[in-house]
Amino acid sequence: MNASQQHLLDTYRAARRGESAPPDPGTHIARTTREIHRWHRFQAIVTAPGDRLPARIRRALRTTVASLLRTRPRRPLPETTPAPAPRPRSGAMP
């Protein structure tokens, strides 16, 4: 069911119950977007610098790399043999 169908169903139910109709789909998108933006700006101000997302990502990456380097010993890469030269095609024109 898409948003238009849901809106029609909600409008029908509201009419049957004698309630006011719900707002049209997309009516409050700009206001909601603005409120989300304000909330993120507010969170950026009140959150301690060490708890912010970039710091948490940096810390997680640093601990992951350190644990990987600490637990896995370095192994030498397997020796590669040179690939054989390609054979010329039979009947190929020079």
PDB file of N, CA and C in Angstrom:
ATOM      1  N   MET A   1       0.850  -1.164   0.000  1.00  0.00           N
ATOM      2  CA  MET A   1       0.000   0.000   0.000  1.00  0.00           C
ATOM      3  C   MET A   1       0.900   1.233   0.000  1.00  0.00           C
ATOM      4  N   ASN A   2       0.633   2.148  -0.913  1.00  0.00           N
ATOM      5  CA  ASN A   2       1.452   3.352  -0.966  1.00  0.00           C
ATOM      6  C   ASN A   2       0.833   4.445  -0.100  1.00  0.00           C
ATOM      7  N   ALA A   3       1.474   5.603  -0.053  1.00  0.00           N
ATOM      8  CA  ALA A   3       1.033   6.682   0.829  1.00  0.00           C
ATOM      9  C   ALA A   3      -0.335   7.220   0.441  1.00  0.00           C
ATOM     10  N   SER A   4      -0.612   7.296  -0.844  1.00  0.00           N
ATOM     11  CA  SER A   4      -1.918   7.810  -1.285  1.00  0.00           C
ATOM     12  C   SER A   4      -3.047   6.876  -0.873  1.00  0.00           C
ATOM     13  N   GLN A   5      -2.835   5.574  -1.046  1.00  0.00           N
ATOM     14  CA  GLN A   5      -3.861   4.613  -0.656  1.00  0.00           C
ATOM     15  C   GLN A   5      -4.079   4.621   0.856  1.00  0.00           C
ATOM     16  N   GLN A   6      -2.993   4.724   1.620  1.00  0.00           N
ATOM     17  CA  GLN A   6      -3.112   4.784   3.069  1.00  0.00           C
ATOM     18  C   GLN A   6      -3.877   6.034   3.490  1.00  0.00           C
ATOM     19  N   HIS A   7      -3.606   7.152   2.811  1.00  0.00           N
ATOM     20  CA  HIS A   7      -4.298   8.395   3.128  1.00  0.00           C
ATOM     21  C   HIS A   7      -5.789   8.276   2.841  1.00  0.00           C
ATOM     22  N   LEU A   8      -6.145   7.674   1.720  1.00  0.00           N
ATOM     23  CA  LEU A   8      -7.561   7.482   1.399  1.00  0.00           C
ATOM     24  C   LEU A   8      -8.246   6.588   2.432  1.00  0.00           C
ATOM     25  N   LEU A   9      -7.576   5.544   2.862  1.00  0.00           N
ATOM     26  CA  LEU A   9      -8.141   4.658   3.878  1.00  0.00           C
ATOM     27  C   LEU A   9      -8.323   5.406   5.198  1.00  0.00           C
ATOM     28  N   ASP A  10      -7.312   6.176   5.609  1.00  0.00           N
ATOM     29  CA  ASP A  10      -7.414   6.942   6.848  1.00  0.00           C
ATOM     30  C   ASP A  10      -8.515   7.999   6.760  1.00  0.00           C
ATOM     31  N   THR A  11      -8.693   8.621   5.597  1.00  0.00           N
ATOM     32  CA  THR A  11      -9.750   9.611   5.405  1.00  0.00           C
ATOM     33  C   THR A  11     -11.120   8.954   5.513  1.00  0.00           C
ATOM     34  N   TYR A  12     -11.248   7.781   4.921  1.00  0.00           N
ATOM     35  CA  TYR A  12     -12.517   7.035   4.996  1.00  0.00           C
ATOM     36  C   TYR A  12     -12.836   6.674   6.450  1.00  0.00           C
ATOM     37  N   ARG A  13     -11.857   6.156   7.172  1.00  0.00           N
ATOM     38  CA  ARG A  13     -12.076   5.787   8.573  1.00  0.00           C
ATOM     39  C   ARG A  13     -12.462   7.004   9.402  1.00  0.00           C
ATOM     40  N   ALA A  14     -11.772   8.133   9.180  1.00  0.00           N
ATOM     41  CA  ALA A  14     -12.079   9.349   9.931  1.00  0.00           C
ATOM     42  C   ALA A  14     -13.502   9.823   9.625  1.00  0.00           C
ATOM     43  N   ALA A  15     -13.945   9.741   8.373  1.00  0.00           N
ATOM     44  CA  ALA A  15     -15.301  10.152   8.006  1.00  0.00           C
ATOM     45  C   ALA A  15     -16.342   9.246   8.661  1.00  0.00           C
ATOM     46  N   ARG A  16     -16.065   7.946   8.708  1.00  0.00           N
ATOM     47  CA  ARG A  16     -16.992   7.001   9.328  1.00  0.00           C
ATOM     48  C   ARG A  16     -17.119   7.238  10.828  1.00  0.00           C
ATOM     49  N   ARG A  17     -16.013   7.657  11.464  1.00  0.00           N
ATOM     50  CA  ARG A  17     -16.012   7.882  12.918  1.00  0.00           C
ATOM     51  C   ARG A  17     -16.433   9.296  13.292  1.00  0.00           C
ATOM     52  N   GLY A  18     -16.550  10.173  12.303  1.00  0.00           N
ATOM     53  CA  GLY A  18     -16.919  11.552  12.590  1.00  0.00           C
ATOM     54  C   GLY A  18     -15.749  12.397  13.068  1.00  0.00           C
ATOM     55  N   GLU A  19     -14.524  11.960  12.759  1.00  0.00           N
ATOM     56  CA  GLU A  19     -13.312  12.683  13.159  1.00  0.00           C
ATOM     57  C   GLU A  19     -12.852  13.570  12.020  1.00  0.00           C
ATOM     58  N   SER A  20     -11.874  14.439  12.305  1.00  0.00           N
ATOM     59  CA  SER A  20     -11.327  15.280  11.242  1.00  0.00           C
ATOM     60  C   SER A  20     -10.394  14.450  10.364  1.00  0.00           C
ATOM     61  N   ALA A  21     -10.314  14.842   9.110  1.00  0.00           N
ATOM     62  CA  ALA A  21      -9.483  14.103   8.154  1.00  0.00           C
ATOM     63  C   ALA A  21      -8.004  14.331   8.461  1.00  0.00           C
ATOM     64  N   PRO A  22      -7.166  13.317   8.207  1.00  0.00           N
ATOM     65  CA  PRO A  22      -5.726  13.493   8.433  1.00  0.00           C
ATOM     66  C   PRO A  22      -5.133  14.439   7.393  1.00  0.00           C
ATOM     67  N   PRO A  23      -3.968  15.029   7.681  1.00  0.00           N
ATOM     68  CA  PRO A  23      -3.353  15.923   6.704  1.00  0.00           C
ATOM     69  C   PRO A  23      -2.921  15.158   5.454  1.00  0.00           C
ATOM     70  N   ASP A  24      -2.866  15.861   4.342  1.00  0.00           N
ATOM     71  CA  ASP A  24      -2.441  15.243   3.093  1.00  0.00           C
ATOM     72  C   ASP A  24      -0.992  14.756   3.196  1.00  0.00           C
ATOM     73  N   PRO A  25      -0.643  13.700   2.447  1.00  0.00           N
ATOM     74  CA  PRO A  25       0.736  13.218   2.473  1.00  0.00           C
ATOM     75  C   PRO A  25       1.707  14.300   1.989  1.00  0.00           C
ATOM     76  N   GLY A  26       2.810  14.465   2.695  1.00  0.00           N
ATOM     77  CA  GLY A  26       3.829  15.430   2.296  1.00  0.00           C
ATOM     78  C   GLY A  26       3.582  16.835   2.795  1.00  0.00           C
ATOM     79  N   THR A  27       2.551  17.030   3.632  1.00  0.00           N
ATOM     80  CA  THR A  27       2.224  18.369   4.100  1.00  0.00           C
ATOM     81  C   THR A  27       3.303  18.930   5.013  1.00  0.00           C
ATOM     82  N   HIS A  28       3.857  18.112   5.881  1.00  0.00           N
ATOM     83  CA  HIS A  28       4.783  18.594   6.908  1.00  0.00           C
ATOM     84  C   HIS A  28       6.231  18.180   6.652  1.00  0.00           C
ATOM     85  N   ILE A  29       6.581  17.908   5.419  1.00  0.00           N
ATOM     86  CA  ILE A  29       7.937  17.453   5.119  1.00  0.00           C
ATOM     87  C   ILE A  29       8.963  18.533   5.428  1.00  0.00           C
ATOM     88  N   ALA A  30       8.702  19.760   5.010  1.00  0.00           N
ATOM     89  CA  ALA A  30       9.671  20.846   5.245  1.00  0.00           C
ATOM     90  C   ALA A  30       9.836  21.096   6.735  1.00  0.00           C
ATOM     91  N   ARG A  31       8.742  21.109   7.482  1.00  0.00           N
ATOM     92  CA  ARG A  31       8.837  21.350   8.926  1.00  0.00           C
ATOM     93  C   ARG A  31       9.595  20.215   9.611  1.00  0.00           C
ATOM     94  N   THR A  32       9.311  18.976   9.231  1.00  0.00           N
ATOM     95  CA  THR A  32       9.986  17.829   9.827  1.00  0.00           C
ATOM     96  C   THR A  32      11.474  17.860   9.519  1.00  0.00           C
ATOM     97  N   THR A  33      11.827  18.180   8.289  1.00  0.00           N
ATOM     98  CA  THR A  33      13.231  18.269   7.908  1.00  0.00           C
ATOM     99  C   THR A  33      13.942  19.344   8.716  1.00  0.00           C
ATOM    100  N   ARG A  34      13.297  20.484   8.879  1.00  0.00           N
ATOM    101  CA  ARG A  34      13.871  21.573   9.662  1.00  0.00           C
ATOM    102  C   ARG A  34      14.071  21.155  11.123  1.00  0.00           C
ATOM    103  N   GLU A  35      13.106  20.449  11.707  1.00  0.00           N
ATOM    104  CA  GLU A  35      13.228  19.999  13.085  1.00  0.00           C
ATOM    105  C   GLU A  35      14.353  18.980  13.250  1.00  0.00           C
ATOM    106  N   ILE A  36      14.507  18.087  12.290  1.00  0.00           N
ATOM    107  CA  ILE A  36      15.602  17.106  12.350  1.00  0.00           C
ATOM    108  C   ILE A  36      16.942  17.829  12.279  1.00  0.00           C
ATOM    109  N   HIS A  37      17.039  18.812  11.395  1.00  0.00           N
ATOM    110  CA  HIS A  37      18.283  19.576  11.267  1.00  0.00           C
ATOM    111  C   HIS A  37      18.599  20.303  12.576  1.00  0.00           C
ATOM    112  N   ARG A  38      17.592  20.910  13.200  1.00  0.00           N
ATOM    113  CA  ARG A  38      17.806  21.597  14.478  1.00  0.00           C
ATOM    114  C   ARG A  38      18.234  20.614  15.557  1.00  0.00           C
ATOM    115  N   TRP A  39      17.648  19.431  15.576  1.00  0.00           N
ATOM    116  CA  TRP A  39      18.001  18.427  16.574  1.00  0.00           C
ATOM    117  C   TRP A  39      19.470  18.007  16.424  1.00  0.00           C
ATOM    118  N   HIS A  40      19.919  17.806  15.198  1.00  0.00           N
ATOM    119  CA  HIS A  40      21.320  17.426  14.989  1.00  0.00           C
ATOM    120  C   HIS A  40      22.258  18.550  15.407  1.00  0.00           C
ATOM    121  N   ARG A  41      21.898  19.785  15.132  1.00  0.00           N
ATOM    122  CA  ARG A  41      22.724  20.919  15.569  1.00  0.00           C
ATOM    123  C   ARG A  41      22.770  21.000  17.089  1.00  0.00           C
ATOM    124  N   PHE A  42      21.639  20.763  17.737  1.00  0.00           N
ATOM    125  CA  PHE A  42      21.586  20.768  19.191  1.00  0.00           C
ATOM    126  C   PHE A  42      22.451  19.651  19.767  1.00  0.00           C
ATOM    127  N   GLN A  43      22.348  18.461  19.198  1.00  0.00           N
ATOM    128  CA  GLN A  43      23.152  17.344  19.679  1.00  0.00           C
ATOM    129  C   GLN A  43      24.639  17.599  19.505  1.00  0.00           C
ATOM    130  N   ALA A  44      25.021  18.286  18.445  1.00  0.00           N
ATOM    131  CA  ALA A  44      26.432  18.602  18.217  1.00  0.00           C
ATOM    132  C   ALA A  44      26.965  19.532  19.305  1.00  0.00           C
ATOM    133  N   ILE A  45      26.095  20.365  19.856  1.00  0.00           N
ATOM    134  CA  ILE A  45      26.532  21.313  20.884  1.00  0.00           C
ATOM    135  C   ILE A  45      26.618  20.648  22.252  1.00  0.00           C
ATOM    136  N   VAL A  46      25.628  19.838  22.610  1.00  0.00           N
ATOM    137  CA  VAL A  46      25.573  19.292  23.965  1.00  0.00           C
ATOM    138  C   VAL A  46      26.352  17.983  24.131  1.00  0.00           C
ATOM    139  N   THR A  47      26.782  17.365  23.051  1.00  0.00           N
ATOM    140  CA  THR A  47      27.516  16.109  23.144  1.00  0.00           C
ATOM    141  C   THR A  47      28.992  16.395  23.382  1.00  0.00           C
ATOM    142  N   ALA A  48      29.598  15.643  24.292  1.00  0.00           N
ATOM    143  CA  ALA A  48      31.017  15.795  24.577  1.00  0.00           C
ATOM    144  C   ALA A  48      31.829  15.426  23.336  1.00  0.00           C
ATOM    145  N   PRO A  49      32.967  16.113  23.112  1.00  0.00           N
ATOM    146  CA  PRO A  49      33.743  15.835  21.893  1.00  0.00           C
ATOM    147  C   PRO A  49      34.169  14.376  21.746  1.00  0.00           C
ATOM    148  N   GLY A  50      34.464  13.698  22.843  1.00  0.00           N
ATOM    149  CA  GLY A  50      34.880  12.301  22.758  1.00  0.00           C
ATOM    150  C   GLY A  50      33.765  11.346  22.409  1.00  0.00           C
ATOM    151  N   ASP A  51      32.517  11.785  22.578  1.00  0.00           N
ATOM    152  CA  ASP A  51      31.372  10.920  22.294  1.00  0.00           C
ATOM    153  C   ASP A  51      30.774  11.155  20.925  1.00  0.00           C
ATOM    154  N   ARG A  52      31.270  12.108  20.189  1.00  0.00           N
ATOM    155  CA  ARG A  52      30.725  12.390  18.864  1.00  0.00           C
ATOM    156  C   ARG A  52      31.101  11.278  17.897  1.00  0.00           C
ATOM    157  N   LEU A  53      30.361  11.170  16.828  1.00  0.00           N
ATOM    158  CA  LEU A  53      30.521  10.061  15.892  1.00  0.00           C
ATOM    159  C   LEU A  53      31.918   9.967  15.278  1.00  0.00           C
ATOM    160  N   PRO A  54      32.520  11.053  14.771  1.00  0.00           N
ATOM    161  CA  PRO A  54      33.863  10.900  14.198  1.00  0.00           C
ATOM    162  C   PRO A  54      34.877  10.387  15.214  1.00  0.00           C
ATOM    163  N   ALA A  55      34.775  10.849  16.457  1.00  0.00           N
ATOM    164  CA  ALA A  55      35.705  10.374  17.484  1.00  0.00           C
ATOM    165  C   ALA A  55      35.466   8.907  17.788  1.00  0.00           C
ATOM    166  N   ARG A  56      34.195   8.481  17.820  1.00  0.00           N
ATOM    167  CA  ARG A  56      33.900   7.076  18.080  1.00  0.00           C
ATOM    168  C   ARG A  56      34.378   6.195  16.942  1.00  0.00           C
ATOM    169  N   ILE A  57      34.232   6.665  15.710  1.00  0.00           N
ATOM    170  CA  ILE A  57      34.698   5.890  14.558  1.00  0.00           C
ATOM    171  C   ILE A  57      36.212   5.769  14.590  1.00  0.00           C
ATOM    172  N   ARG A  58      36.876   6.890  14.869  1.00  0.00           N
ATOM    173  CA  ARG A  58      38.336   6.882  14.945  1.00  0.00           C
ATOM    174  C   ARG A  58      38.817   5.916  16.032  1.00  0.00           C
ATOM    175  N   ARG A  59      38.178   5.949  17.185  1.00  0.00           N
ATOM    176  CA  ARG A  59      38.568   5.087  18.301  1.00  0.00           C
ATOM    177  C   ARG A  59      38.341   3.623  17.949  1.00  0.00           C
ATOM    178  N   ALA A  60      37.206   3.306  17.334  1.00  0.00           N
ATOM    179  CA  ALA A  60      36.913   1.924  16.956  1.00  0.00           C
ATOM    180  C   ALA A  60      37.893   1.428  15.901  1.00  0.00           C
ATOM    181  N   LEU A  61      38.214   2.277  14.947  1.00  0.00           N
ATOM    182  CA  LEU A  61      39.166   1.890  13.908  1.00  0.00           C
ATOM    183  C   LEU A  61      40.544   1.641  14.500  1.00  0.00           C
ATOM    184  N   ARG A  62      40.950   2.522  15.409  1.00  0.00           N
ATOM    185  CA  ARG A  62      42.266   2.386  16.030  1.00  0.00           C
ATOM    186  C   ARG A  62      42.361   1.089  16.833  1.00  0.00           C
ATOM    187  N   THR A  63      41.333   0.768  17.616  1.00  0.00           N
ATOM    188  CA  THR A  63      41.382  -0.460  18.411  1.00  0.00           C
ATOM    189  C   THR A  63      41.300  -1.699  17.526  1.00  0.00           C
ATOM    190  N   THR A  64      40.535  -1.635  16.442  1.00  0.00           N
ATOM    191  CA  THR A  64      40.440  -2.778  15.533  1.00  0.00           C
ATOM    192  C   THR A  64      41.770  -3.050  14.854  1.00  0.00           C
ATOM    193  N   VAL A  65      42.394  -1.998  14.366  1.00  0.00           N
ATOM    194  CA  VAL A  65      43.690  -2.167  13.698  1.00  0.00           C
ATOM    195  C   VAL A  65      44.722  -2.683  14.681  1.00  0.00           C
ATOM    196  N   ALA A  66      44.721  -2.139  15.895  1.00  0.00           N
ATOM    197  CA  ALA A  66      45.695  -2.585  16.895  1.00  0.00           C
ATOM    198  C   ALA A  66      45.478  -4.056  17.235  1.00  0.00           C
ATOM    199  N   SER A  67      44.236  -4.480  17.367  1.00  0.00           N
ATOM    200  CA  SER A  67      43.991  -5.881  17.705  1.00  0.00           C
ATOM    201  C   SER A  67      44.344  -6.797  16.539  1.00  0.00           C
ATOM    202  N   LEU A  68      44.098  -6.352  15.321  1.00  0.00           N
ATOM    203  CA  LEU A  68      44.470  -7.184  14.170  1.00  0.00           C
ATOM    204  C   LEU A  68      45.980  -7.330  14.047  1.00  0.00           C
ATOM    205  N   LEU A  69      46.691  -6.260  14.276  1.00  0.00           N
ATOM    206  CA  LEU A  69      48.147  -6.325  14.184  1.00  0.00           C
ATOM    207  C   LEU A  69      48.738  -7.139  15.322  1.00  0.00           C
ATOM    208  N   ARG A  70      48.088  -7.133  16.456  1.00  0.00           N
ATOM    209  CA  ARG A  70      48.607  -7.831  17.624  1.00  0.00           C
ATOM    210  C   ARG A  70      48.329  -9.323  17.558  1.00  0.00           C
ATOM    211  N   THR A  71      47.210  -9.739  17.011  1.00  0.00           N
ATOM    212  CA  THR A  71      46.822 -11.142  17.080  1.00  0.00           C
ATOM    213  C   THR A  71      47.282 -11.969  15.887  1.00  0.00           C
ATOM    214  N   ARG A  72      47.512 -11.361  14.772  1.00  0.00           N
ATOM    215  CA  ARG A  72      47.885 -12.142  13.599  1.00  0.00           C
ATOM    216  C   ARG A  72      49.358 -11.899  13.259  1.00  0.00           C
ATOM    217  N   PRO A  73      50.171 -12.943  13.359  1.00  0.00           N
ATOM    218  CA  PRO A  73      51.575 -12.758  12.979  1.00  0.00           C
ATOM    219  C   PRO A  73      51.682 -12.594  11.470  1.00  0.00           C
ATOM    220  N   ARG A  74      52.685 -11.885  11.090  1.00  0.00           N
ATOM    221  CA  ARG A  74      52.900 -11.681   9.657  1.00  0.00           C
ATOM    222  C   ARG A  74      53.399 -12.958   9.015  1.00  0.00           C
ATOM    223  N   ARG A  75      52.805 -13.278   7.891  1.00  0.00           N
ATOM    224  CA  ARG A  75      53.244 -14.441   7.128  1.00  0.00           C
ATOM    225  C   ARG A  75      53.836 -13.950   5.825  1.00  0.00           C
ATOM    226  N   PRO A  76      54.880 -14.603   5.361  1.00  0.00           N
ATOM    227  CA  PRO A  76      55.422 -14.174   4.074  1.00  0.00           C
ATOM    228  C   PRO A  76      54.432 -14.502   2.964  1.00  0.00           C
ATOM    229  N   LEU A  77      54.425 -13.669   1.960  1.00  0.00           N
ATOM    230  CA  LEU A  77      53.554 -13.904   0.822  1.00  0.00           C
ATOM    231  C   LEU A  77      54.034 -15.112   0.039  1.00  0.00           C
ATOM    232  N   PRO A  78      53.139 -15.885  -0.526  1.00  0.00           N
ATOM    233  CA  PRO A  78      53.583 -17.034  -1.319  1.00  0.00           C
ATOM    234  C   PRO A  78      54.327 -16.551  -2.559  1.00  0.00           C
ATOM    235  N   GLU A  79      55.327 -17.329  -2.918  1.00  0.00           N
ATOM    236  CA  GLU A  79      56.109 -16.955  -4.090  1.00  0.00           C
ATOM    237  C   GLU A  79      55.268 -17.180  -5.343  1.00  0.00           C
ATOM    238  N   THR A  80      55.358 -16.246  -6.236  1.00  0.00           N
ATOM    239  CA  THR A  80      54.604 -16.369  -7.477  1.00  0.00           C
ATOM    240  C   THR A  80      55.558 -16.790  -8.586  1.00  0.00           C
ATOM    241  N   THR A  81      55.070 -17.643  -9.439  1.00  0.00           N
ATOM    242  CA  THR A  81      55.869 -18.058 -10.588  1.00  0.00           C
ATOM    243  C   THR A  81      55.464 -17.196 -11.766  1.00  0.00           C
ATOM    244  N   PRO A  82      56.399 -16.858 -12.630  1.00  0.00           N
ATOM    245  CA  PRO A  82      56.027 -16.021 -13.771  1.00  0.00           C
ATOM    246  C   PRO A  82      55.072 -16.770 -14.689  1.00  0.00           C
ATOM    247  N   ALA A  83      54.143 -16.044 -15.226  1.00  0.00           N
ATOM    248  CA  ALA A  83      53.155 -16.635 -16.128  1.00  0.00           C
ATOM    249  C   ALA A  83      53.825 -16.991 -17.447  1.00  0.00           C
ATOM    250  N   PRO A  84      53.419 -18.087 -18.059  1.00  0.00           N
ATOM    251  CA  PRO A  84      54.018 -18.451 -19.349  1.00  0.00           C
ATOM    252  C   PRO A  84      53.624 -17.432 -20.419  1.00  0.00           C
ATOM    253  N   ALA A  85      54.513 -17.284 -21.384  1.00  0.00           N
ATOM    254  CA  ALA A  85      54.261 -16.338 -22.476  1.00  0.00           C
ATOM    255  C   ALA A  85      53.085 -16.842 -23.294  1.00  0.00           C
ATOM    256  N   PRO A  86      52.238 -15.949 -23.775  1.00  0.00           N
ATOM    257  CA  PRO A  86      51.095 -16.395 -24.573  1.00  0.00           C
ATOM    258  C   PRO A  86      51.546 -16.984 -25.893  1.00  0.00           C
ATOM    259  N   ARG A  87      50.831 -18.016 -26.307  1.00  0.00           N
ATOM    260  CA  ARG A  87      51.159 -18.654 -27.579  1.00  0.00           C
ATOM    261  C   ARG A  87      50.554 -17.862 -28.716  1.00  0.00           C
ATOM    262  N   PRO A  88      51.261 -17.748 -29.840  1.00  0.00           N
ATOM    263  CA  PRO A  88      50.670 -17.061 -30.977  1.00  0.00           C
ATOM    264  C   PRO A  88      49.528 -17.893 -31.563  1.00  0.00           C
ATOM    265  N   ARG A  89      48.529 -17.228 -32.044  1.00  0.00           N
ATOM    266  CA  ARG A  89      47.388 -17.932 -32.632  1.00  0.00           C
ATOM    267  C   ARG A  89      47.792 -18.519 -33.983  1.00  0.00           C
ATOM    268  N   SER A  90      47.200 -19.646 -34.273  1.00  0.00           N
ATOM    269  CA  SER A  90      47.502 -20.235 -35.578  1.00  0.00           C
ATOM    270  C   SER A  90      46.665 -19.521 -36.625  1.00  0.00           C
ATOM    271  N   GLY A  91      47.277 -19.172 -37.701  1.00  0.00           N
ATOM    272  CA  GLY A  91      46.595 -18.506 -38.785  1.00  0.00           C
ATOM    273  C   GLY A  91      46.395 -17.014 -38.543  1.00  0.00           C
ATOM    274  N   ALA A  92      47.049 -16.486 -37.553  1.00  0.00           N
ATOM    275  CA  ALA A  92      46.890 -15.058 -37.281  1.00  0.00           C
ATOM    276  C   ALA A  92      47.726 -14.258 -38.263  1.00  0.00           C
ATOM    277  N   MET A  93      47.195 -13.134 -38.666  1.00  0.00           N
ATOM    278  CA  MET A  93      47.925 -12.299 -39.605  1.00  0.00           C
ATOM    279  C   MET A  93      48.861 -11.383 -38.836  1.00  0.00           C
ATOM    280  N   PRO A  94      50.069 -11.181 -39.334  1.00  0.00           N
ATOM    281  CA  PRO A  94      51.030 -10.326 -38.620  1.00  0.00           C
ATOM    282  C   PRO A  94      50.688  -8.864 -38.718  1.00  0.00           C
TER     283      PRO A  94
END
